[in-house]
């Protein structure tokens, strides 16, 4: 039941919230083209 995009969400959260990667750098790495879509993936626990 694990979705591939579950890993993308986890990667975004880990980059920004845990590792301190900037939003711009995380967007480049994750392939998000818009801030609004990126923010949908940047879930907060």
ModelCIF file with pLDDT and N, C-alpha, C, O atoms, coordinates in Angstrom:
data_MODEL
#
_entry.id   MODEL 
#
_entity.id                         1 
_entity.type                       polymer 
_entity.pdbx_number_of_molecules   1 
#
_entity_poly.entity_id                      1 
_entity_poly.type                           'polypeptide(L)' 
_entity_poly.nstd_linkage                   no 
_entity_poly.nstd_monomer                   no 
_entity_poly.pdbx_seq_one_letter_code       
;(UNK)(UNK)(UNK)(UNK)(UNK)(UNK)(UNK)(UNK)(UNK)(UNK)(UNK)(UNK)(UNK)(UNK)(UNK)(UNK)
(UNK)(UNK)(UNK)(UNK)(UNK)(UNK)(UNK)(UNK)(UNK)(UNK)(UNK)(UNK)(UNK)(UNK)(UNK)(UNK)
(UNK)(UNK)(UNK)(UNK)(UNK)(UNK)(UNK)(UNK)(UNK)(UNK)(UNK)(UNK)(UNK)
;
_entity_poly.pdbx_seq_one_letter_code_can   XXXXXXXXXXXXXXXXXXXXXXXXXXXXXXXXXXXXXXXXXXXXX 
_entity_poly.pdbx_strand_id                 A 
#
loop_
_entity_poly_seq.entity_id 
_entity_poly_seq.num 
_entity_poly_seq.mon_id 
_entity_poly_seq.hetero 
1 1  UNK n 
1 2  UNK n 
1 3  UNK n 
1 4  UNK n 
1 5  UNK n 
1 6  UNK n 
1 7  UNK n 
1 8  UNK n 
1 9  UNK n 
1 10 UNK n 
1 11 UNK n 
1 12 UNK n 
1 13 UNK n 
1 14 UNK n 
1 15 UNK n 
1 16 UNK n 
1 17 UNK n 
1 18 UNK n 
1 19 UNK n 
1 20 UNK n 
1 21 UNK n 
1 22 UNK n 
1 23 UNK n 
1 24 UNK n 
1 25 UNK n 
1 26 UNK n 
1 27 UNK n 
1 28 UNK n 
1 29 UNK n 
1 30 UNK n 
1 31 UNK n 
1 32 UNK n 
1 33 UNK n 
1 34 UNK n 
1 35 UNK n 
1 36 UNK n 
1 37 UNK n 
1 38 UNK n 
1 39 UNK n 
1 40 UNK n 
1 41 UNK n 
1 42 UNK n 
1 43 UNK n 
1 44 UNK n 
1 45 UNK n 
#
_struct_asym.id          A 
_struct_asym.entity_id   1 
#
loop_
_ma_qa_metric.id 
_ma_qa_metric.mode 
_ma_qa_metric.name 
_ma_qa_metric.software_group_id 
_ma_qa_metric.type 
1 global pLDDT . pLDDT 
2 local  pLDDT . pLDDT 
#
_ma_qa_metric_global.metric_id      1 
_ma_qa_metric_global.metric_value   89.20 
_ma_qa_metric_global.model_id       1 
_ma_qa_metric_global.ordinal_id     1 
#
loop_
_ma_qa_metric_local.label_asym_id 
_ma_qa_metric_local.label_comp_id 
_ma_qa_metric_local.label_seq_id 
_ma_qa_metric_local.metric_id 
_ma_qa_metric_local.metric_value 
_ma_qa_metric_local.model_id 
_ma_qa_metric_local.ordinal_id 
A UNK 1  2 89.00 1 1  
A UNK 2  2 91.00 1 2  
A UNK 3  2 90.00 1 3  
A UNK 4  2 86.00 1 4  
A UNK 5  2 84.00 1 5  
A UNK 6  2 87.00 1 6  
A UNK 7  2 89.00 1 7  
A UNK 8  2 88.00 1 8  
A UNK 9  2 88.00 1 9  
A UNK 10 2 89.00 1 10 
A UNK 11 2 92.00 1 11 
A UNK 12 2 91.00 1 12 
A UNK 13 2 88.00 1 13 
A UNK 14 2 91.00 1 14 
A UNK 15 2 93.00 1 15 
A UNK 16 2 90.00 1 16 
A UNK 17 2 85.00 1 17 
A UNK 18 2 87.00 1 18 
A UNK 19 2 93.00 1 19 
A UNK 20 2 91.00 1 20 
A UNK 21 2 95.00 1 21 
A UNK 22 2 95.00 1 22 
A UNK 23 2 93.00 1 23 
A UNK 24 2 95.00 1 24 
A UNK 25 2 96.00 1 25 
A UNK 26 2 94.00 1 26 
A UNK 27 2 93.00 1 27 
A UNK 28 2 95.00 1 28 
A UNK 29 2 94.00 1 29 
A UNK 30 2 91.00 1 30 
A UNK 31 2 91.00 1 31 
A UNK 32 2 91.00 1 32 
A UNK 33 2 93.00 1 33 
A UNK 34 2 94.00 1 34 
A UNK 35 2 92.00 1 35 
A UNK 36 2 91.00 1 36 
A UNK 37 2 89.00 1 37 
A UNK 38 2 90.00 1 38 
A UNK 39 2 86.00 1 39 
A UNK 40 2 84.00 1 40 
A UNK 41 2 81.00 1 41 
A UNK 42 2 78.00 1 42 
A UNK 43 2 76.00 1 43 
A UNK 44 2 78.00 1 44 
A UNK 45 2 77.00 1 45 
#
loop_
_atom_site.group_PDB 
_atom_site.id 
_atom_site.type_symbol 
_atom_site.label_atom_id 
_atom_site.label_alt_id 
_atom_site.label_comp_id 
_atom_site.label_asym_id 
_atom_site.label_entity_id 
_atom_site.label_seq_id 
_atom_site.pdbx_PDB_ins_code 
_atom_site.Cartn_x 
_atom_site.Cartn_y 
_atom_site.Cartn_z 
_atom_site.occupancy 
_atom_site.B_iso_or_equiv 
_atom_site.pdbx_formal_charge 
_atom_site.auth_seq_id 
_atom_site.auth_comp_id 
_atom_site.auth_asym_id 
_atom_site.auth_atom_id 
_atom_site.pdbx_PDB_model_num 
ATOM 1   N N  . UNK A 1 1  ? 0.793  -1.223 0.000   1.00 89.00 ? 1  UNK A N  1 
ATOM 2   C CA . UNK A 1 1  ? 0.000  0.000  0.000   1.00 89.00 ? 1  UNK A CA 1 
ATOM 3   C C  . UNK A 1 1  ? 0.826  1.273  0.000   1.00 89.00 ? 1  UNK A C  1 
ATOM 4   O O  . UNK A 1 1  ? 0.279  2.363  -0.168  1.00 89.00 ? 1  UNK A O  1 
ATOM 5   N N  . UNK A 1 2  ? 2.141  1.154  0.186   1.00 91.00 ? 2  UNK A N  1 
ATOM 6   C CA . UNK A 1 2  ? 2.998  2.335  0.160   1.00 91.00 ? 2  UNK A CA 1 
ATOM 7   C C  . UNK A 1 2  ? 3.026  2.888  -1.257  1.00 91.00 ? 2  UNK A C  1 
ATOM 8   O O  . UNK A 1 2  ? 3.261  2.149  -2.214  1.00 91.00 ? 2  UNK A O  1 
ATOM 9   N N  . UNK A 1 3  ? 2.789  4.178  -1.390  1.00 90.00 ? 3  UNK A N  1 
ATOM 10  C CA . UNK A 1 3  ? 2.808  4.823  -2.700  1.00 90.00 ? 3  UNK A CA 1 
ATOM 11  C C  . UNK A 1 3  ? 4.181  5.414  -2.963  1.00 90.00 ? 3  UNK A C  1 
ATOM 12  O O  . UNK A 1 3  ? 4.875  5.841  -2.040  1.00 90.00 ? 3  UNK A O  1 
ATOM 13  N N  . UNK A 1 4  ? 4.560  5.433  -4.213  1.00 86.00 ? 4  UNK A N  1 
ATOM 14  C CA . UNK A 1 4  ? 5.852  6.010  -4.578  1.00 86.00 ? 4  UNK A CA 1 
ATOM 15  C C  . UNK A 1 4  ? 5.934  7.464  -4.115  1.00 86.00 ? 4  UNK A C  1 
ATOM 16  O O  . UNK A 1 4  ? 6.982  7.908  -3.646  1.00 86.00 ? 4  UNK A O  1 
ATOM 17  N N  . UNK A 1 5  ? 4.837  8.202  -4.244  1.00 84.00 ? 5  UNK A N  1 
ATOM 18  C CA . UNK A 1 5  ? 4.846  9.606  -3.844  1.00 84.00 ? 5  UNK A CA 1 
ATOM 19  C C  . UNK A 1 5  ? 4.927  9.782  -2.328  1.00 84.00 ? 5  UNK A C  1 
ATOM 20  O O  . UNK A 1 5  ? 5.256  10.869 -1.854  1.00 84.00 ? 5  UNK A O  1 
ATOM 21  N N  . UNK A 1 6  ? 4.630  8.727  -1.559  1.00 87.00 ? 6  UNK A N  1 
ATOM 22  C CA . UNK A 1 6  ? 4.857  8.800  -0.110  1.00 87.00 ? 6  UNK A CA 1 
ATOM 23  C C  . UNK A 1 6  ? 6.332  9.056  0.161   1.00 87.00 ? 6  UNK A C  1 
ATOM 24  O O  . UNK A 1 6  ? 6.675  9.785  1.092   1.00 87.00 ? 6  UNK A O  1 
ATOM 25  N N  . UNK A 1 7  ? 7.202  8.466  -0.639  1.00 89.00 ? 7  UNK A N  1 
ATOM 26  C CA . UNK A 1 7  ? 8.639  8.656  -0.473  1.00 89.00 ? 7  UNK A CA 1 
ATOM 27  C C  . UNK A 1 7  ? 9.046  10.075 -0.858  1.00 89.00 ? 7  UNK A C  1 
ATOM 28  O O  . UNK A 1 7  ? 9.956  10.653 -0.264  1.00 89.00 ? 7  UNK A O  1 
ATOM 29  N N  . UNK A 1 8  ? 8.365  10.627 -1.857  1.00 88.00 ? 8  UNK A N  1 
ATOM 30  C CA . UNK A 1 8  ? 8.662  12.003 -2.260  1.00 88.00 ? 8  UNK A CA 1 
ATOM 31  C C  . UNK A 1 8  ? 8.294  12.962 -1.130  1.00 88.00 ? 8  UNK A C  1 
ATOM 32  O O  . UNK A 1 8  ? 9.034  13.900 -0.834  1.00 88.00 ? 8  UNK A O  1 
ATOM 33  N N  . UNK A 1 9  ? 7.140  12.717 -0.499  1.00 88.00 ? 9  UNK A N  1 
ATOM 34  C CA . UNK A 1 9  ? 6.740  13.555 0.636   1.00 88.00 ? 9  UNK A CA 1 
ATOM 35  C C  . UNK A 1 9  ? 7.753  13.451 1.762   1.00 88.00 ? 9  UNK A C  1 
ATOM 36  O O  . UNK A 1 9  ? 8.157  14.459 2.342   1.00 88.00 ? 9  UNK A O  1 
ATOM 37  N N  . UNK A 1 10 ? 8.158  12.232 2.065   1.00 89.00 ? 10 UNK A N  1 
ATOM 38  C CA . UNK A 1 10 ? 9.139  12.033 3.137   1.00 89.00 ? 10 UNK A CA 1 
ATOM 39  C C  . UNK A 1 10 ? 10.460 12.706 2.805   1.00 89.00 ? 10 UNK A C  1 
ATOM 40  O O  . UNK A 1 10 ? 11.097 13.299 3.675   1.00 89.00 ? 10 UNK A O  1 
ATOM 41  N N  . UNK A 1 11 ? 10.871 12.614 1.545   1.00 92.00 ? 11 UNK A N  1 
ATOM 42  C CA . UNK A 1 11 ? 12.133 13.225 1.143   1.00 92.00 ? 11 UNK A CA 1 
ATOM 43  C C  . UNK A 1 11 ? 12.074 14.738 1.293   1.00 92.00 ? 11 UNK A C  1 
ATOM 44  O O  . UNK A 1 11 ? 13.022 15.349 1.787   1.00 92.00 ? 11 UNK A O  1 
ATOM 45  N N  . UNK A 1 12 ? 10.971 15.350 0.872   1.00 91.00 ? 12 UNK A N  1 
ATOM 46  C CA . UNK A 1 12 ? 10.823 16.804 0.998   1.00 91.00 ? 12 UNK A CA 1 
ATOM 47  C C  . UNK A 1 12 ? 10.845 17.205 2.464   1.00 91.00 ? 12 UNK A C  1 
ATOM 48  O O  . UNK A 1 12 ? 11.548 18.141 2.845   1.00 91.00 ? 12 UNK A O  1 
ATOM 49  N N  . UNK A 1 13 ? 10.073 16.496 3.288   1.00 88.00 ? 13 UNK A N  1 
ATOM 50  C CA . UNK A 1 13 ? 10.033 16.808 4.722   1.00 88.00 ? 13 UNK A CA 1 
ATOM 51  C C  . UNK A 1 13 ? 11.420 16.663 5.341   1.00 88.00 ? 13 UNK A C  1 
ATOM 52  O O  . UNK A 1 13 ? 11.850 17.527 6.106   1.00 88.00 ? 13 UNK A O  1 
ATOM 53  N N  . UNK A 1 14 ? 12.115 15.593 5.020   1.00 91.00 ? 14 UNK A N  1 
ATOM 54  C CA . UNK A 1 14 ? 13.441 15.363 5.598   1.00 91.00 ? 14 UNK A CA 1 
ATOM 55  C C  . UNK A 1 14 ? 14.445 16.417 5.142   1.00 91.00 ? 14 UNK A C  1 
ATOM 56  O O  . UNK A 1 14 ? 15.270 16.875 5.933   1.00 91.00 ? 14 UNK A O  1 
ATOM 57  N N  . UNK A 1 15 ? 14.376 16.802 3.867   1.00 93.00 ? 15 UNK A N  1 
ATOM 58  C CA . UNK A 1 15 ? 15.317 17.810 3.376   1.00 93.00 ? 15 UNK A CA 1 
ATOM 59  C C  . UNK A 1 15 ? 15.122 19.141 4.095   1.00 93.00 ? 15 UNK A C  1 
ATOM 60  O O  . UNK A 1 15 ? 16.079 19.726 4.602   1.00 93.00 ? 15 UNK A O  1 
ATOM 61  N N  . UNK A 1 16 ? 13.878 19.615 4.136   1.00 90.00 ? 16 UNK A N  1 
ATOM 62  C CA . UNK A 1 16 ? 13.611 20.956 4.647   1.00 90.00 ? 16 UNK A CA 1 
ATOM 63  C C  . UNK A 1 16 ? 13.603 20.992 6.168   1.00 90.00 ? 16 UNK A C  1 
ATOM 64  O O  . UNK A 1 16 ? 14.265 21.837 6.771   1.00 90.00 ? 16 UNK A O  1 
ATOM 65  N N  . UNK A 1 17 ? 12.864 20.086 6.791   1.00 85.00 ? 17 UNK A N  1 
ATOM 66  C CA . UNK A 1 17 ? 12.647 20.161 8.232   1.00 85.00 ? 17 UNK A CA 1 
ATOM 67  C C  . UNK A 1 17 ? 13.745 19.496 9.053   1.00 85.00 ? 17 UNK A C  1 
ATOM 68  O O  . UNK A 1 17 ? 14.048 19.946 10.157  1.00 85.00 ? 17 UNK A O  1 
ATOM 69  N N  . UNK A 1 18 ? 14.325 18.465 8.542   1.00 87.00 ? 18 UNK A N  1 
ATOM 70  C CA . UNK A 1 18 ? 15.314 17.728 9.330   1.00 87.00 ? 18 UNK A CA 1 
ATOM 71  C C  . UNK A 1 18 ? 16.750 18.122 8.968   1.00 87.00 ? 18 UNK A C  1 
ATOM 72  O O  . UNK A 1 18 ? 17.585 18.313 9.852   1.00 87.00 ? 18 UNK A O  1 
ATOM 73  N N  . UNK A 1 19 ? 17.035 18.245 7.659   1.00 93.00 ? 19 UNK A N  1 
ATOM 74  C CA . UNK A 1 19 ? 18.405 18.499 7.217   1.00 93.00 ? 19 UNK A CA 1 
ATOM 75  C C  . UNK A 1 19 ? 18.700 19.977 6.998   1.00 93.00 ? 19 UNK A C  1 
ATOM 76  O O  . UNK A 1 19 ? 19.863 20.354 6.847   1.00 93.00 ? 19 UNK A O  1 
ATOM 77  N N  . UNK A 1 20 ? 17.672 20.821 6.977   1.00 91.00 ? 20 UNK A N  1 
ATOM 78  C CA . UNK A 1 20 ? 17.891 22.244 6.815   1.00 91.00 ? 20 UNK A CA 1 
ATOM 79  C C  . UNK A 1 20 ? 18.213 22.682 5.393   1.00 91.00 ? 20 UNK A C  1 
ATOM 80  O O  . UNK A 1 20 ? 18.808 23.742 5.195   1.00 91.00 ? 20 UNK A O  1 
ATOM 81  N N  . UNK A 1 21 ? 17.831 21.887 4.404   1.00 95.00 ? 21 UNK A N  1 
ATOM 82  C CA . UNK A 1 21 ? 18.036 22.252 3.007   1.00 95.00 ? 21 UNK A CA 1 
ATOM 83  C C  . UNK A 1 21 ? 17.049 23.375 2.676   1.00 95.00 ? 21 UNK A C  1 
ATOM 84  O O  . UNK A 1 21 ? 15.893 23.321 3.096   1.00 95.00 ? 21 UNK A O  1 
ATOM 85  N N  . UNK A 1 22 ? 17.484 24.374 1.941   1.00 95.00 ? 22 UNK A N  1 
ATOM 86  C CA . UNK A 1 22 ? 16.592 25.484 1.603   1.00 95.00 ? 22 UNK A CA 1 
ATOM 87  C C  . UNK A 1 22 ? 15.456 24.993 0.708   1.00 95.00 ? 22 UNK A C  1 
ATOM 88  O O  . UNK A 1 22 ? 15.571 23.977 0.022   1.00 95.00 ? 22 UNK A O  1 
ATOM 89  N N  . UNK A 1 23 ? 14.354 25.749 0.737   1.00 93.00 ? 23 UNK A N  1 
ATOM 90  C CA . UNK A 1 23 ? 13.203 25.393 -0.079  1.00 93.00 ? 23 UNK A CA 1 
ATOM 91  C C  . UNK A 1 23 ? 13.567 25.360 -1.559  1.00 93.00 ? 23 UNK A C  1 
ATOM 92  O O  . UNK A 1 23 ? 13.162 24.448 -2.279  1.00 93.00 ? 23 UNK A O  1 
ATOM 93  N N  . UNK A 1 24 ? 14.331 26.351 -2.013  1.00 95.00 ? 24 UNK A N  1 
ATOM 94  C CA . UNK A 1 24 ? 14.712 26.406 -3.432  1.00 95.00 ? 24 UNK A CA 1 
ATOM 95  C C  . UNK A 1 24 ? 15.529 25.177 -3.829  1.00 95.00 ? 24 UNK A C  1 
ATOM 96  O O  . UNK A 1 24 ? 15.294 24.591 -4.885  1.00 95.00 ? 24 UNK A O  1 
ATOM 97  N N  . UNK A 1 25 ? 16.485 24.785 -2.989  1.00 96.00 ? 25 UNK A N  1 
ATOM 98  C CA . UNK A 1 25 ? 17.309 23.612 -3.295  1.00 96.00 ? 25 UNK A CA 1 
ATOM 99  C C  . UNK A 1 25 ? 16.472 22.340 -3.268  1.00 96.00 ? 25 UNK A C  1 
ATOM 100 O O  . UNK A 1 25 ? 16.624 21.475 -4.130  1.00 96.00 ? 25 UNK A O  1 
ATOM 101 N N  . UNK A 1 26 ? 15.588 22.225 -2.277  1.00 94.00 ? 26 UNK A N  1 
ATOM 102 C CA . UNK A 1 26 ? 14.728 21.038 -2.180  1.00 94.00 ? 26 UNK A CA 1 
ATOM 103 C C  . UNK A 1 26 ? 13.801 20.940 -3.387  1.00 94.00 ? 26 UNK A C  1 
ATOM 104 O O  . UNK A 1 26 ? 13.532 19.843 -3.876  1.00 94.00 ? 26 UNK A O  1 
ATOM 105 N N  . UNK A 1 27 ? 13.314 22.079 -3.866  1.00 93.00 ? 27 UNK A N  1 
ATOM 106 C CA . UNK A 1 27 ? 12.457 22.060 -5.059  1.00 93.00 ? 27 UNK A CA 1 
ATOM 107 C C  . UNK A 1 27 ? 13.224 21.571 -6.276  1.00 93.00 ? 27 UNK A C  1 
ATOM 108 O O  . UNK A 1 27 ? 12.678 20.833 -7.096  1.00 93.00 ? 27 UNK A O  1 
ATOM 109 N N  . UNK A 1 28 ? 14.475 21.970 -6.402  1.00 95.00 ? 28 UNK A N  1 
ATOM 110 C CA . UNK A 1 28 ? 15.303 21.505 -7.523  1.00 95.00 ? 28 UNK A CA 1 
ATOM 111 C C  . UNK A 1 28 ? 15.497 19.993 -7.443  1.00 95.00 ? 28 UNK A C  1 
ATOM 112 O O  . UNK A 1 28 ? 15.372 19.284 -8.441  1.00 95.00 ? 28 UNK A O  1 
ATOM 113 N N  . UNK A 1 29 ? 15.804 19.514 -6.235  1.00 94.00 ? 29 UNK A N  1 
ATOM 114 C CA . UNK A 1 29 ? 16.062 18.092 -6.040  1.00 94.00 ? 29 UNK A CA 1 
ATOM 115 C C  . UNK A 1 29 ? 14.804 17.265 -6.280  1.00 94.00 ? 29 UNK A C  1 
ATOM 116 O O  . UNK A 1 29 ? 14.858 16.231 -6.944  1.00 94.00 ? 29 UNK A O  1 
ATOM 117 N N  . UNK A 1 30 ? 13.668 17.719 -5.739  1.00 91.00 ? 30 UNK A N  1 
ATOM 118 C CA . UNK A 1 30 ? 12.430 16.940 -5.829  1.00 91.00 ? 30 UNK A CA 1 
ATOM 119 C C  . UNK A 1 30 ? 11.718 17.116 -7.165  1.00 91.00 ? 30 UNK A C  1 
ATOM 120 O O  . UNK A 1 30 ? 10.829 16.334 -7.503  1.00 91.00 ? 30 UNK A O  1 
ATOM 121 N N  . UNK A 1 31 ? 12.104 18.142 -7.926  1.00 91.00 ? 31 UNK A N  1 
ATOM 122 C CA . UNK A 1 31 ? 11.494 18.348 -9.229  1.00 91.00 ? 31 UNK A CA 1 
ATOM 123 C C  . UNK A 1 31 ? 10.213 19.157 -9.201  1.00 91.00 ? 31 UNK A C  1 
ATOM 124 O O  . UNK A 1 31 ? 9.500  19.213 -10.204 1.00 91.00 ? 31 UNK A O  1 
ATOM 125 N N  . UNK A 1 32 ? 9.901  19.789 -8.071  1.00 91.00 ? 32 UNK A N  1 
ATOM 126 C CA . UNK A 1 32 ? 8.701  20.617 -8.001  1.00 91.00 ? 32 UNK A CA 1 
ATOM 127 C C  . UNK A 1 32 ? 8.958  21.939 -8.727  1.00 91.00 ? 32 UNK A C  1 
ATOM 128 O O  . UNK A 1 32 ? 9.962  22.610 -8.487  1.00 91.00 ? 32 UNK A O  1 
ATOM 129 N N  . UNK A 1 33 ? 8.039  22.296 -9.610  1.00 93.00 ? 33 UNK A N  1 
ATOM 130 C CA . UNK A 1 33 ? 8.210  23.509 -10.404 1.00 93.00 ? 33 UNK A CA 1 
ATOM 131 C C  . UNK A 1 33 ? 7.525  24.718 -9.768  1.00 93.00 ? 33 UNK A C  1 
ATOM 132 O O  . UNK A 1 33 ? 7.919  25.855 -10.028 1.00 93.00 ? 33 UNK A O  1 
ATOM 133 N N  . UNK A 1 34 ? 6.511  24.490 -8.943  1.00 94.00 ? 34 UNK A N  1 
ATOM 134 C CA . UNK A 1 34 ? 5.797  25.602 -8.310  1.00 94.00 ? 34 UNK A CA 1 
ATOM 135 C C  . UNK A 1 34 ? 5.867  25.477 -6.797  1.00 94.00 ? 34 UNK A C  1 
ATOM 136 O O  . UNK A 1 34 ? 5.920  24.375 -6.251  1.00 94.00 ? 34 UNK A O  1 
ATOM 137 N N  . UNK A 1 35 ? 5.866  26.625 -6.130  1.00 92.00 ? 35 UNK A N  1 
ATOM 138 C CA . UNK A 1 35 ? 5.909  26.649 -4.667  1.00 92.00 ? 35 UNK A CA 1 
ATOM 139 C C  . UNK A 1 35 ? 4.644  26.022 -4.097  1.00 92.00 ? 35 UNK A C  1 
ATOM 140 O O  . UNK A 1 35 ? 4.701  25.310 -3.095  1.00 92.00 ? 35 UNK A O  1 
ATOM 141 N N  . UNK A 1 36 ? 3.500  26.282 -4.730  1.00 91.00 ? 36 UNK A N  1 
ATOM 142 C CA . UNK A 1 36 ? 2.244  25.741 -4.199  1.00 91.00 ? 36 UNK A CA 1 
ATOM 143 C C  . UNK A 1 36 ? 2.257  24.207 -4.189  1.00 91.00 ? 36 UNK A C  1 
ATOM 144 O O  . UNK A 1 36 ? 1.797  23.591 -3.228  1.00 91.00 ? 36 UNK A O  1 
ATOM 145 N N  . UNK A 1 37 ? 2.776  23.599 -5.242  1.00 89.00 ? 37 UNK A N  1 
ATOM 146 C CA . UNK A 1 37 ? 2.843  22.133 -5.264  1.00 89.00 ? 37 UNK A CA 1 
ATOM 147 C C  . UNK A 1 37 ? 3.870  21.633 -4.260  1.00 89.00 ? 37 UNK A C  1 
ATOM 148 O O  . UNK A 1 37 ? 3.643  20.628 -3.586  1.00 89.00 ? 37 UNK A O  1 
ATOM 149 N N  . UNK A 1 38 ? 4.982  22.316 -4.156  1.00 90.00 ? 38 UNK A N  1 
ATOM 150 C CA . UNK A 1 38 ? 6.004  21.933 -3.187  1.00 90.00 ? 38 UNK A CA 1 
ATOM 151 C C  . UNK A 1 38 ? 5.429  21.955 -1.774  1.00 90.00 ? 38 UNK A C  1 
ATOM 152 O O  . UNK A 1 38 ? 5.676  21.041 -0.988  1.00 90.00 ? 38 UNK A O  1 
ATOM 153 N N  . UNK A 1 39 ? 4.668  22.990 -1.453  1.00 86.00 ? 39 UNK A N  1 
ATOM 154 C CA . UNK A 1 39 ? 4.100  23.105 -0.110  1.00 86.00 ? 39 UNK A CA 1 
ATOM 155 C C  . UNK A 1 39 ? 3.100  21.986 0.190   1.00 86.00 ? 39 UNK A C  1 
ATOM 156 O O  . UNK A 1 39 ? 2.925  21.604 1.347   1.00 86.00 ? 39 UNK A O  1 
ATOM 157 N N  . UNK A 1 40 ? 2.452  21.467 -0.834  1.00 84.00 ? 40 UNK A N  1 
ATOM 158 C CA . UNK A 1 40 ? 1.547  20.324 -0.628  1.00 84.00 ? 40 UNK A CA 1 
ATOM 159 C C  . UNK A 1 40 ? 2.331  19.079 -0.201  1.00 84.00 ? 40 UNK A C  1 
ATOM 160 O O  . UNK A 1 40 ? 1.810  18.223 0.514   1.00 84.00 ? 40 UNK A O  1 
ATOM 161 N N  . UNK A 1 41 ? 3.585  18.990 -0.647  1.00 81.00 ? 41 UNK A N  1 
ATOM 162 C CA . UNK A 1 41 ? 4.418  17.847 -0.295  1.00 81.00 ? 41 UNK A CA 1 
ATOM 163 C C  . UNK A 1 41 ? 5.170  18.054 1.015   1.00 81.00 ? 41 UNK A C  1 
ATOM 164 O O  . UNK A 1 41 ? 5.562  17.080 1.658   1.00 81.00 ? 41 UNK A O  1 
ATOM 165 N N  . UNK A 1 42 ? 5.374  19.291 1.415   1.00 78.00 ? 42 UNK A N  1 
ATOM 166 C CA . UNK A 1 42 ? 6.147  19.587 2.618   1.00 78.00 ? 42 UNK A CA 1 
ATOM 167 C C  . UNK A 1 42 ? 5.260  19.439 3.851   1.00 78.00 ? 42 UNK A C  1 
ATOM 168 O O  . UNK A 1 42 ? 4.917  20.422 4.508   1.00 78.00 ? 42 UNK A O  1 
ATOM 169 N N  . UNK A 1 43 ? 4.895  18.197 4.152   1.00 76.00 ? 43 UNK A N  1 
ATOM 170 C CA . UNK A 1 43 ? 4.020  17.922 5.283   1.00 76.00 ? 43 UNK A CA 1 
ATOM 171 C C  . UNK A 1 43 ? 4.770  18.156 6.591   1.00 76.00 ? 43 UNK A C  1 
ATOM 172 O O  . UNK A 1 43 ? 5.986  17.982 6.675   1.00 76.00 ? 43 UNK A O  1 
ATOM 173 N N  . UNK A 1 44 ? 4.027  18.545 7.582   1.00 78.00 ? 44 UNK A N  1 
ATOM 174 C CA . UNK A 1 44 ? 4.632  18.842 8.880   1.00 78.00 ? 44 UNK A CA 1 
ATOM 175 C C  . UNK A 1 44 ? 4.097  17.833 9.887   1.00 78.00 ? 44 UNK A C  1 
ATOM 176 O O  . UNK A 1 44 ? 2.886  17.648 10.004  1.00 78.00 ? 44 UNK A O  1 
ATOM 177 N N  . UNK A 1 45 ? 4.995  17.185 10.608  1.00 77.00 ? 45 UNK A N  1 
ATOM 178 C CA . UNK A 1 45 ? 4.574  16.218 11.608  1.00 77.00 ? 45 UNK A CA 1 
ATOM 179 C C  . UNK A 1 45 ? 4.528  16.874 12.984  1.00 77.00 ? 45 UNK A C  1 
ATOM 180 O O  . UNK A 1 45 ? 4.193  16.219 13.971  1.00 77.00 ? 45 UNK A O  1 
#
